[in-house]
Amino acid sequence: MSLSQVQFISAVGRLGVALTLFHTNVTSFHVMVIMLVMGENRN
């Protein structure tokens, strides 16, 4: 098993499936906001 799968299973145990999947889907939004703050282009 890869490390990310182990972390996902651990997070599901602590947070629940819905919250863990929500955080996984919002990660790309966080990266986009960080890049915009740093002055990068969205493309």
PDB file of N, CA and C in Angstrom:
ATOM      1  N   MET A   1       0.842  -1.183   0.000  1.00  0.00           N
ATOM      2  CA  MET A   1       0.000   0.000   0.000  1.00  0.00           C
ATOM      3  C   MET A   1       0.886   1.244   0.000  1.00  0.00           C
ATOM      4  N   SER A   2       0.474   2.235  -0.728  1.00  0.00           N
ATOM      5  CA  SER A   2       1.255   3.466  -0.738  1.00  0.00           C
ATOM      6  C   SER A   2       0.969   4.274   0.519  1.00  0.00           C
ATOM      7  N   LEU A   3       1.835   5.213   0.794  1.00  0.00           N
ATOM      8  CA  LEU A   3       1.706   6.040   1.986  1.00  0.00           C
ATOM      9  C   LEU A   3       0.418   6.857   1.971  1.00  0.00           C
ATOM     10  N   SER A   4       0.017   7.363   0.805  1.00  0.00           N
ATOM     11  CA  SER A   4      -1.203   8.173   0.741  1.00  0.00           C
ATOM     12  C   SER A   4      -2.452   7.357   1.079  1.00  0.00           C
ATOM     13  N   GLN A   5      -2.467   6.092   0.685  1.00  0.00           N
ATOM     14  CA  GLN A   5      -3.612   5.244   1.016  1.00  0.00           C
ATOM     15  C   GLN A   5      -3.689   4.996   2.518  1.00  0.00           C
ATOM     16  N   VAL A   6      -2.538   4.781   3.138  1.00  0.00           N
ATOM     17  CA  VAL A   6      -2.510   4.577   4.586  1.00  0.00           C
ATOM     18  C   VAL A   6      -2.990   5.836   5.293  1.00  0.00           C
ATOM     19  N   GLN A   7      -2.544   6.994   4.834  1.00  0.00           N
ATOM     20  CA  GLN A   7      -2.980   8.253   5.441  1.00  0.00           C
ATOM     21  C   GLN A   7      -4.476   8.464   5.230  1.00  0.00           C
ATOM     22  N   PHE A   8      -4.986   8.120   4.057  1.00  0.00           N
ATOM     23  CA  PHE A   8      -6.416   8.282   3.776  1.00  0.00           C
ATOM     24  C   PHE A   8      -7.248   7.407   4.708  1.00  0.00           C
ATOM     25  N   ILE A   9      -6.859   6.162   4.856  1.00  0.00           N
ATOM     26  CA  ILE A   9      -7.598   5.246   5.722  1.00  0.00           C
ATOM     27  C   ILE A   9      -7.545   5.725   7.167  1.00  0.00           C
ATOM     28  N   SER A  10      -6.407   6.238   7.582  1.00  0.00           N
ATOM     29  CA  SER A  10      -6.269   6.771   8.939  1.00  0.00           C
ATOM     30  C   SER A  10      -7.172   7.991   9.137  1.00  0.00           C
ATOM     31  N   ALA A  11      -7.215   8.867   8.141  1.00  0.00           N
ATOM     32  CA  ALA A  11      -8.057  10.072   8.236  1.00  0.00           C
ATOM     33  C   ALA A  11      -9.536   9.714   8.255  1.00  0.00           C
ATOM     34  N   VAL A  12      -9.928   8.710   7.484  1.00  0.00           N
ATOM     35  CA  VAL A  12     -11.327   8.278   7.486  1.00  0.00           C
ATOM     36  C   VAL A  12     -11.708   7.777   8.872  1.00  0.00           C
ATOM     37  N   GLY A  13     -10.794   7.087   9.517  1.00  0.00           N
ATOM     38  CA  GLY A  13     -11.066   6.594  10.859  1.00  0.00           C
ATOM     39  C   GLY A  13     -11.244   7.708  11.869  1.00  0.00           C
ATOM     40  N   ARG A  14     -10.510   8.805  11.682  1.00  0.00           N
ATOM     41  CA  ARG A  14     -10.588   9.912  12.638  1.00  0.00           C
ATOM     42  C   ARG A  14     -11.666  10.925  12.281  1.00  0.00           C
ATOM     43  N   LEU A  15     -11.802  11.276  10.999  1.00  0.00           N
ATOM     44  CA  LEU A  15     -12.690  12.362  10.593  1.00  0.00           C
ATOM     45  C   LEU A  15     -14.020  11.890  10.004  1.00  0.00           C
ATOM     46  N   GLY A  16     -14.013  10.731   9.421  1.00  0.00           N
ATOM     47  CA  GLY A  16     -15.199  10.243   8.721  1.00  0.00           C
ATOM     48  C   GLY A  16     -15.000  10.374   7.219  1.00  0.00           C
ATOM     49  N   VAL A  17     -15.782   9.631   6.485  1.00  0.00           N
ATOM     50  CA  VAL A  17     -15.622   9.570   5.032  1.00  0.00           C
ATOM     51  C   VAL A  17     -15.948  10.911   4.378  1.00  0.00           C
ATOM     52  N   ALA A  18     -17.060  11.525   4.751  1.00  0.00           N
ATOM     53  CA  ALA A  18     -17.498  12.752   4.080  1.00  0.00           C
ATOM     54  C   ALA A  18     -16.484  13.877   4.233  1.00  0.00           C
ATOM     55  N   LEU A  19     -16.004  14.104   5.439  1.00  0.00           N
ATOM     56  CA  LEU A  19     -15.061  15.200   5.670  1.00  0.00           C
ATOM     57  C   LEU A  19     -13.716  14.935   5.008  1.00  0.00           C
ATOM     58  N   THR A  20     -13.282  13.689   5.031  1.00  0.00           N
ATOM     59  CA  THR A  20     -12.012  13.339   4.388  1.00  0.00           C
ATOM     60  C   THR A  20     -12.086  13.536   2.882  1.00  0.00           C
ATOM     61  N   LEU A  21     -13.166  13.095   2.260  1.00  0.00           N
ATOM     62  CA  LEU A  21     -13.310  13.271   0.815  1.00  0.00           C
ATOM     63  C   LEU A  21     -13.476  14.742   0.447  1.00  0.00           C
ATOM     64  N   PHE A  22     -14.167  15.516   1.279  1.00  0.00           N
ATOM     65  CA  PHE A  22     -14.300  16.948   1.029  1.00  0.00           C
ATOM     66  C   PHE A  22     -12.921  17.605   1.029  1.00  0.00           C
ATOM     67  N   HIS A  23     -12.095  17.285   2.005  1.00  0.00           N
ATOM     68  CA  HIS A  23     -10.762  17.872   2.077  1.00  0.00           C
ATOM     69  C   HIS A  23      -9.924  17.462   0.878  1.00  0.00           C
ATOM     70  N   THR A  24     -10.044  16.214   0.451  1.00  0.00           N
ATOM     71  CA  THR A  24      -9.297  15.738  -0.714  1.00  0.00           C
ATOM     72  C   THR A  24      -9.691  16.515  -1.967  1.00  0.00           C
ATOM     73  N   ASN A  25     -10.972  16.810  -2.137  1.00  0.00           N
ATOM     74  CA  ASN A  25     -11.442  17.525  -3.318  1.00  0.00           C
ATOM     75  C   ASN A  25     -11.113  19.014  -3.274  1.00  0.00           C
ATOM     76  N   VAL A  26     -10.937  19.587  -2.099  1.00  0.00           N
ATOM     77  CA  VAL A  26     -10.671  21.017  -1.963  1.00  0.00           C
ATOM     78  C   VAL A  26      -9.172  21.316  -2.067  1.00  0.00           C
ATOM     79  N   THR A  27      -8.346  20.297  -2.045  1.00  0.00           N
ATOM     80  CA  THR A  27      -6.893  20.499  -2.063  1.00  0.00           C
ATOM     81  C   THR A  27      -6.446  21.286  -3.289  1.00  0.00           C
ATOM     82  N   SER A  28      -6.993  21.020  -4.455  1.00  0.00           N
ATOM     83  CA  SER A  28      -6.586  21.754  -5.660  1.00  0.00           C
ATOM     84  C   SER A  28      -6.945  23.234  -5.545  1.00  0.00           C
ATOM     85  N   PHE A  29      -8.047  23.548  -4.882  1.00  0.00           N
ATOM     86  CA  PHE A  29      -8.409  24.948  -4.650  1.00  0.00           C
ATOM     87  C   PHE A  29      -7.379  25.631  -3.757  1.00  0.00           C
ATOM     88  N   HIS A  30      -6.938  24.944  -2.714  1.00  0.00           N
ATOM     89  CA  HIS A  30      -5.915  25.508  -1.828  1.00  0.00           C
ATOM     90  C   HIS A  30      -4.625  25.802  -2.596  1.00  0.00           C
ATOM     91  N   VAL A  31      -4.223  24.886  -3.462  1.00  0.00           N
ATOM     92  CA  VAL A  31      -3.006  25.085  -4.256  1.00  0.00           C
ATOM     93  C   VAL A  31      -3.161  26.295  -5.166  1.00  0.00           C
ATOM     94  N   MET A  32      -4.328  26.463  -5.794  1.00  0.00           N
ATOM     95  CA  MET A  32      -4.554  27.601  -6.677  1.00  0.00           C
ATOM     96  C   MET A  32      -4.480  28.914  -5.901  1.00  0.00           C
ATOM     97  N   VAL A  33      -5.071  28.965  -4.706  1.00  0.00           N
ATOM     98  CA  VAL A  33      -5.030  30.183  -3.893  1.00  0.00           C
ATOM     99  C   VAL A  33      -3.593  30.509  -3.491  1.00  0.00           C
ATOM    100  N   ILE A  34      -2.833  29.505  -3.087  1.00  0.00           N
ATOM    101  CA  ILE A  34      -1.432  29.733  -2.706  1.00  0.00           C
ATOM    102  C   ILE A  34      -0.636  30.267  -3.886  1.00  0.00           C
ATOM    103  N   MET A  35      -0.852  29.692  -5.079  1.00  0.00           N
ATOM    104  CA  MET A  35      -0.112  30.159  -6.261  1.00  0.00           C
ATOM    105  C   MET A  35      -0.508  31.601  -6.606  1.00  0.00           C
ATOM    106  N   LEU A  36      -1.776  31.957  -6.487  1.00  0.00           N
ATOM    107  CA  LEU A  36      -2.194  33.328  -6.764  1.00  0.00           C
ATOM    108  C   LEU A  36      -1.577  34.313  -5.757  1.00  0.00           C
ATOM    109  N   VAL A  37      -1.508  33.907  -4.499  1.00  0.00           N
ATOM    110  CA  VAL A  37      -0.894  34.751  -3.477  1.00  0.00           C
ATOM    111  C   VAL A  37       0.590  34.972  -3.777  1.00  0.00           C
ATOM    112  N   MET A  38       1.227  33.945  -4.315  1.00  0.00           N
ATOM    113  CA  MET A  38       2.654  34.043  -4.649  1.00  0.00           C
ATOM    114  C   MET A  38       2.895  34.789  -5.953  1.00  0.00           C
ATOM    115  N   GLY A  39       1.831  35.178  -6.637  1.00  0.00           N
ATOM    116  CA  GLY A  39       1.971  35.974  -7.862  1.00  0.00           C
ATOM    117  C   GLY A  39       2.050  35.168  -9.137  1.00  0.00           C
ATOM    118  N   GLU A  40       1.704  33.898  -9.087  1.00  0.00           N
ATOM    119  CA  GLU A  40       1.737  33.067 -10.279  1.00  0.00           C
ATOM    120  C   GLU A  40       0.450  33.199 -11.066  1.00  0.00           C
ATOM    121  N   ASN A  41       0.513  32.810 -12.322  1.00  0.00           N
ATOM    122  CA  ASN A  41      -0.639  32.799 -13.204  1.00  0.00           C
ATOM    123  C   ASN A  41      -1.449  31.532 -12.976  1.00  0.00           C
ATOM    124  N   ARG A  42      -2.765  31.545 -13.248  1.00  0.00           N
ATOM    125  CA  ARG A  42      -3.580  30.347 -13.059  1.00  0.00           C
ATOM    126  C   ARG A  42      -3.279  29.285 -14.097  1.00  0.00           C
ATOM    127  N   ASN A  43      -2.717  29.634 -15.208  1.00  0.00           N
ATOM    128  CA  ASN A  43      -2.426  28.664 -16.267  1.00  0.00           C
ATOM    129  C   ASN A  43      -1.173  27.968 -15.926  1.00  0.00           C
TER     130      ASN A  43
END
